[in-house]
């Protein structure tokens, strides 16, 4: 994405909401309207915490909307329970 100049210098968003949920409109269209890249997780990836963590790290995701249970099942590394979701890249 950055090689093509799209979203250069803008935060990357991870879209994990079902397109049938009203919040998905905000998750998908707001970043695109602002010129930010959006990574869309597949249904299989949304069910797998490790796959979600991999997407976050690989694409340097800065923003995402998820349910608290994703953090309870280990989205954040055990070695960093004090870190916020914004520190996942560190």
Protein backbone atom coordinates (compact mmCIF):
# COMPACT_ATOMS: atom_id res chain seq x y z
CA UNK A 1 0.00 0.00 0.00
CA UNK A 2 2.69 2.47 0.93
CA UNK A 3 4.66 1.65 -2.21
CA UNK A 4 1.75 2.92 -4.26
CA UNK A 5 1.52 6.05 -2.10
CA UNK A 6 -1.89 5.13 -0.73
CA UNK A 7 -2.28 5.93 2.94
CA UNK A 8 1.35 6.95 3.28
CA UNK A 9 1.92 8.23 6.80
CA UNK A 10 -1.65 7.46 7.85
CA UNK A 11 -2.68 4.96 10.54
CA UNK A 12 -3.73 1.51 9.38
CA UNK A 13 -7.16 0.31 10.52
CA UNK A 14 -8.17 -3.32 11.06
CA UNK A 15 -11.80 -4.05 10.12
CA UNK A 16 -13.17 -6.99 12.10
CA UNK A 17 -16.87 -6.21 12.35
CA UNK A 18 -19.44 -8.10 10.33
CA UNK A 19 -20.68 -6.01 7.42
CA UNK A 20 -24.15 -6.61 8.84
CA UNK A 21 -23.29 -4.69 12.02
CA UNK A 22 -23.93 -0.96 11.97
CA UNK A 23 -20.49 -0.29 13.47
CA UNK A 24 -18.87 -1.77 10.37
CA UNK A 25 -19.86 1.38 8.46
CA UNK A 26 -17.69 3.45 10.78
CA UNK A 27 -14.88 0.85 10.81
CA UNK A 28 -14.69 0.64 7.04
CA UNK A 29 -15.75 3.94 5.51
CA UNK A 30 -14.33 6.46 7.98
CA UNK A 31 -10.69 5.38 7.49
CA UNK A 32 -11.17 5.18 3.73
CA UNK A 33 -12.73 8.67 3.67
CA UNK A 34 -9.69 9.95 5.58
CA UNK A 35 -7.27 8.23 3.18
CA UNK A 36 -6.14 5.57 5.63
CA UNK A 37 -5.57 1.96 4.58
CA UNK A 38 -7.93 -0.70 5.91
CA UNK A 39 -7.01 -4.35 6.50
CA UNK A 40 -10.09 -6.58 6.37
CA UNK A 41 -9.91 -9.74 8.46
CA UNK A 42 -11.53 -12.87 7.08
CA UNK A 43 -14.18 -14.73 9.07
CA UNK A 44 -11.60 -17.42 9.89
CA UNK A 45 -9.05 -14.87 11.08
CA UNK A 46 -11.63 -13.19 13.33
CA UNK A 47 -12.05 -16.48 15.22
CA UNK A 48 -8.30 -16.97 15.77
CA UNK A 49 -6.51 -14.69 18.23
CA UNK A 50 -3.10 -15.58 16.80
CA UNK A 51 -4.28 -14.73 13.27
CA UNK A 52 -5.57 -11.35 14.49
CA UNK A 53 -2.31 -10.66 16.31
CA UNK A 54 -0.41 -11.59 13.15
CA UNK A 55 -2.50 -9.17 11.06
CA UNK A 56 -1.86 -6.39 13.58
CA UNK A 57 1.89 -6.94 13.55
CA UNK A 58 2.27 -7.59 9.81
CA UNK A 59 0.29 -4.53 8.73
CA UNK A 60 1.27 -2.29 11.67
CA UNK A 61 -2.36 -1.76 12.59
CA UNK A 62 -2.90 1.34 14.70
CA UNK A 63 -6.69 1.23 15.18
CA UNK A 64 -9.33 -1.46 15.47
CA UNK A 65 -12.70 -2.06 17.07
CA UNK A 66 -13.20 -5.33 18.89
CA UNK A 67 -14.97 -6.83 21.86
CA UNK A 68 -13.31 -7.01 25.30
CA UNK A 69 -13.21 -10.81 25.15
CA UNK A 70 -10.54 -10.63 22.42
CA UNK A 71 -8.22 -9.10 25.01
CA UNK A 72 -9.28 -11.59 27.67
CA UNK A 73 -8.31 -14.55 25.47
CA UNK A 74 -4.86 -13.22 24.79
CA UNK A 75 -4.74 -10.60 22.05
CA UNK A 76 -2.14 -8.78 24.12
CA UNK A 77 1.05 -10.69 24.93
CA UNK A 78 1.12 -12.15 28.45
CA UNK A 79 4.44 -10.40 29.02
CA UNK A 80 2.74 -7.02 28.62
CA UNK A 81 -0.60 -7.09 30.45
CA UNK A 82 -0.19 -3.42 31.36
CA UNK A 83 0.10 -2.28 27.75
CA UNK A 84 -2.78 -0.78 25.85
CA UNK A 85 -3.93 -1.97 22.43
CA UNK A 86 -1.93 0.89 20.93
CA UNK A 87 1.29 -0.67 22.22
CA UNK A 88 0.93 -3.92 20.28
CA UNK A 89 3.53 -2.77 17.76
CA UNK A 90 6.16 -2.11 20.43
